[in-house]
Amino acid sequence: MPAADRTAPSLPQDYVLGTHDDERARLECQHSLWEALALSAFDHAGMGSDMRVLDLGCGPGLMLESLVARHGPHMPA
C-alpha cells in the first residue's frame, strides 16, 4: 500500500487506567504503602545522587518525587 494511503492508528484520548482524581488517589495510596520498601531497595542497589534515573511508564511520577526529595533536584532524571 502506498504511504499516502496509510493512516496513523487512532490513539486513546485518556490514559488507559484513567487520570481522574480517584485514580490519582489510588496511586498515591499504593505509593505510600510501598515507598519505604522501594527506597530501601534503591539504597541496597547503591543508588545515589550521582546516578541517572529513567522514570518511564511508571505512573504519575510519585517515586521520582520521592527520589528527588531524598537525593535533591540535581539528580539527573
N, C-alpha and C. Protein backbone atom coordinates (compact mmCIF):
# COMPACT_ATOMS: atom_id res chain seq x y z
N MET A 1 0.85 -1.17 0.00
CA MET A 1 0.00 0.00 0.00
C MET A 1 0.90 1.23 0.00
N PRO A 2 0.63 2.18 -0.85
CA PRO A 2 1.44 3.41 -0.88
C PRO A 2 1.35 4.17 0.44
N ALA A 3 2.43 4.85 0.78
CA ALA A 3 2.47 5.58 2.05
C ALA A 3 1.33 6.58 2.17
N ALA A 4 0.92 7.19 1.08
CA ALA A 4 -0.15 8.20 1.13
C ALA A 4 -1.48 7.59 1.52
N ASP A 5 -1.65 6.27 1.33
CA ASP A 5 -2.91 5.61 1.64
C ASP A 5 -3.00 5.15 3.10
N ARG A 6 -1.89 5.15 3.81
CA ARG A 6 -1.89 4.70 5.20
C ARG A 6 -2.34 5.82 6.13
N THR A 7 -3.08 5.45 7.13
CA THR A 7 -3.46 6.42 8.15
C THR A 7 -2.85 5.98 9.48
N ALA A 8 -2.55 6.94 10.30
CA ALA A 8 -1.99 6.63 11.62
C ALA A 8 -3.07 5.97 12.47
N PRO A 9 -2.67 5.02 13.30
CA PRO A 9 -3.66 4.40 14.19
C PRO A 9 -4.22 5.45 15.14
N SER A 10 -5.47 5.27 15.49
CA SER A 10 -6.06 6.22 16.44
C SER A 10 -5.51 5.94 17.83
N LEU A 11 -5.27 6.96 18.59
CA LEU A 11 -4.74 6.84 19.93
C LEU A 11 -5.84 7.16 20.94
N PRO A 12 -5.80 6.48 22.09
CA PRO A 12 -6.81 6.79 23.11
C PRO A 12 -6.64 8.23 23.59
N GLN A 13 -7.72 8.83 23.95
CA GLN A 13 -7.70 10.21 24.42
C GLN A 13 -7.30 10.32 25.88
N ASP A 14 -7.31 9.21 26.60
CA ASP A 14 -7.02 9.22 28.03
C ASP A 14 -6.15 8.02 28.38
N TYR A 15 -5.37 8.14 29.42
CA TYR A 15 -4.57 7.04 29.93
C TYR A 15 -5.50 5.87 30.23
N VAL A 16 -5.10 4.68 29.86
CA VAL A 16 -5.99 3.52 29.94
C VAL A 16 -6.53 3.28 31.35
N LEU A 17 -5.76 3.58 32.38
CA LEU A 17 -6.24 3.39 33.75
C LEU A 17 -6.88 4.64 34.32
N GLY A 18 -6.93 5.69 33.54
CA GLY A 18 -7.60 6.91 33.98
C GLY A 18 -6.65 7.90 34.60
N THR A 19 -7.03 9.15 34.55
CA THR A 19 -6.24 10.21 35.17
C THR A 19 -7.11 11.04 36.11
N HIS A 20 -8.24 10.51 36.44
CA HIS A 20 -9.17 11.24 37.29
C HIS A 20 -8.72 11.22 38.75
N ASP A 21 -9.38 11.99 39.58
CA ASP A 21 -8.97 12.15 40.98
C ASP A 21 -8.94 10.82 41.74
N ASP A 22 -9.93 9.95 41.51
CA ASP A 22 -9.95 8.66 42.22
C ASP A 22 -8.74 7.81 41.87
N GLU A 23 -8.34 7.82 40.60
CA GLU A 23 -7.17 7.03 40.19
C GLU A 23 -5.90 7.61 40.79
N ARG A 24 -5.78 8.92 40.80
CA ARG A 24 -4.61 9.57 41.41
C ARG A 24 -4.54 9.22 42.90
N ALA A 25 -5.69 9.24 43.57
CA ALA A 25 -5.73 8.90 45.00
C ALA A 25 -5.32 7.44 45.21
N ARG A 26 -5.76 6.54 44.32
CA ARG A 26 -5.39 5.13 44.43
C ARG A 26 -3.88 4.96 44.28
N LEU A 27 -3.29 5.65 43.30
CA LEU A 27 -1.85 5.56 43.08
C LEU A 27 -1.07 6.16 44.24
N GLU A 28 -1.56 7.25 44.82
CA GLU A 28 -0.89 7.85 45.98
C GLU A 28 -0.94 6.91 47.18
N CYS A 29 -2.08 6.23 47.38
CA CYS A 29 -2.20 5.25 48.46
C CYS A 29 -1.23 4.10 48.24
N GLN A 30 -1.20 3.58 47.03
CA GLN A 30 -0.28 2.50 46.69
C GLN A 30 1.16 2.93 46.92
N HIS A 31 1.49 4.14 46.52
CA HIS A 31 2.85 4.66 46.70
C HIS A 31 3.20 4.74 48.18
N SER A 32 2.27 5.22 48.99
CA SER A 32 2.55 5.35 50.42
C SER A 32 2.79 3.99 51.07
N LEU A 33 2.15 2.94 50.55
CA LEU A 33 2.33 1.60 51.10
C LEU A 33 3.69 1.01 50.73
N TRP A 34 4.20 1.31 49.55
CA TRP A 34 5.42 0.69 49.04
C TRP A 34 6.64 1.60 49.07
N GLU A 35 6.48 2.88 49.39
CA GLU A 35 7.59 3.83 49.27
C GLU A 35 8.81 3.42 50.10
N ALA A 36 8.63 3.09 51.37
CA ALA A 36 9.77 2.77 52.23
C ALA A 36 10.52 1.55 51.71
N LEU A 37 9.79 0.52 51.28
CA LEU A 37 10.43 -0.68 50.75
C LEU A 37 11.17 -0.39 49.45
N ALA A 38 10.55 0.40 48.59
CA ALA A 38 11.20 0.74 47.31
C ALA A 38 12.46 1.56 47.54
N LEU A 39 12.40 2.55 48.42
CA LEU A 39 13.59 3.37 48.70
C LEU A 39 14.69 2.52 49.33
N SER A 40 14.31 1.57 50.18
CA SER A 40 15.29 0.66 50.77
C SER A 40 15.95 -0.19 49.69
N ALA A 41 15.17 -0.64 48.72
CA ALA A 41 15.74 -1.42 47.61
C ALA A 41 16.68 -0.57 46.78
N PHE A 42 16.32 0.69 46.55
CA PHE A 42 17.21 1.58 45.80
C PHE A 42 18.51 1.79 46.57
N ASP A 43 18.42 1.96 47.89
CA ASP A 43 19.63 2.13 48.71
C ASP A 43 20.49 0.87 48.64
N HIS A 44 19.86 -0.29 48.74
CA HIS A 44 20.58 -1.56 48.69
C HIS A 44 21.30 -1.73 47.34
N ALA A 45 20.68 -1.22 46.29
CA ALA A 45 21.28 -1.29 44.96
C ALA A 45 22.38 -0.25 44.77
N GLY A 46 22.54 0.65 45.74
CA GLY A 46 23.60 1.65 45.66
C GLY A 46 23.22 2.91 44.92
N MET A 47 21.93 3.15 44.75
CA MET A 47 21.50 4.36 44.04
C MET A 47 21.87 5.60 44.85
N GLY A 48 22.48 6.54 44.18
CA GLY A 48 22.89 7.77 44.84
C GLY A 48 22.63 8.98 43.97
N SER A 49 22.95 10.14 44.52
CA SER A 49 22.66 11.39 43.82
C SER A 49 23.53 11.59 42.58
N ASP A 50 24.57 10.76 42.42
CA ASP A 50 25.42 10.88 41.24
C ASP A 50 24.96 9.98 40.09
N MET A 51 23.83 9.31 40.27
CA MET A 51 23.33 8.38 39.26
C MET A 51 22.19 8.99 38.46
N ARG A 52 21.97 8.45 37.28
CA ARG A 52 20.85 8.88 36.44
C ARG A 52 19.67 7.93 36.66
N VAL A 53 18.46 8.49 36.56
CA VAL A 53 17.24 7.71 36.75
C VAL A 53 16.34 7.94 35.56
N LEU A 54 15.77 6.86 35.05
CA LEU A 54 14.79 6.95 33.97
C LEU A 54 13.47 6.45 34.52
N ASP A 55 12.51 7.34 34.63
CA ASP A 55 11.17 7.01 35.11
C ASP A 55 10.29 6.93 33.87
N LEU A 56 10.09 5.74 33.38
CA LEU A 56 9.42 5.54 32.11
C LEU A 56 8.17 4.68 32.30
N GLY A 57 7.02 5.27 32.08
CA GLY A 57 5.79 4.50 32.19
C GLY A 57 5.50 4.05 33.60
N CYS A 58 5.88 4.85 34.56
CA CYS A 58 5.75 4.46 35.97
C CYS A 58 4.64 5.22 36.68
N GLY A 59 3.63 5.63 35.96
CA GLY A 59 2.53 6.35 36.58
C GLY A 59 2.80 7.84 36.64
N PRO A 60 2.27 8.49 37.67
CA PRO A 60 2.36 9.95 37.73
C PRO A 60 3.68 10.50 38.28
N GLY A 61 4.67 9.65 38.50
CA GLY A 61 5.98 10.13 38.94
C GLY A 61 6.16 10.25 40.43
N LEU A 62 5.36 9.54 41.20
CA LEU A 62 5.44 9.65 42.65
C LEU A 62 6.78 9.14 43.19
N MET A 63 7.29 8.04 42.65
CA MET A 63 8.57 7.53 43.12
C MET A 63 9.71 8.47 42.73
N LEU A 64 9.62 9.05 41.56
CA LEU A 64 10.63 10.02 41.15
C LEU A 64 10.63 11.21 42.11
N GLU A 65 9.45 11.66 42.52
CA GLU A 65 9.36 12.74 43.50
C GLU A 65 10.03 12.33 44.81
N SER A 66 9.86 11.08 45.23
CA SER A 66 10.50 10.60 46.46
C SER A 66 12.01 10.58 46.32
N LEU A 67 12.50 10.17 45.15
CA LEU A 67 13.95 10.16 44.93
C LEU A 67 14.52 11.57 44.92
N VAL A 68 13.81 12.50 44.32
CA VAL A 68 14.27 13.89 44.30
C VAL A 68 14.28 14.45 45.73
N ALA A 69 13.27 14.10 46.52
CA ALA A 69 13.22 14.57 47.91
C ALA A 69 14.41 14.02 48.70
N ARG A 70 14.81 12.80 48.39
CA ARG A 70 15.91 12.16 49.12
C ARG A 70 17.27 12.62 48.62
N HIS A 71 17.44 12.72 47.32
CA HIS A 71 18.77 12.97 46.74
C HIS A 71 18.93 14.39 46.21
N GLY A 72 17.88 15.17 46.20
CA GLY A 72 17.96 16.54 45.72
C GLY A 72 17.59 16.67 44.25
N PRO A 73 17.28 17.89 43.85
CA PRO A 73 16.81 18.13 42.49
C PRO A 73 17.91 18.01 41.44
N HIS A 74 19.15 17.82 41.86
CA HIS A 74 20.25 17.76 40.90
C HIS A 74 20.51 16.34 40.42
N MET A 75 19.74 15.38 40.93
CA MET A 75 19.87 14.01 40.44
C MET A 75 19.39 14.01 38.98
N PRO A 76 20.24 13.65 38.04
CA PRO A 76 19.82 13.66 36.65
C PRO A 76 18.68 12.67 36.42
N ALA A 77 17.61 13.13 35.86
CA ALA A 77 16.45 12.24 35.62
C ALA A 77 16.15 12.19 34.15
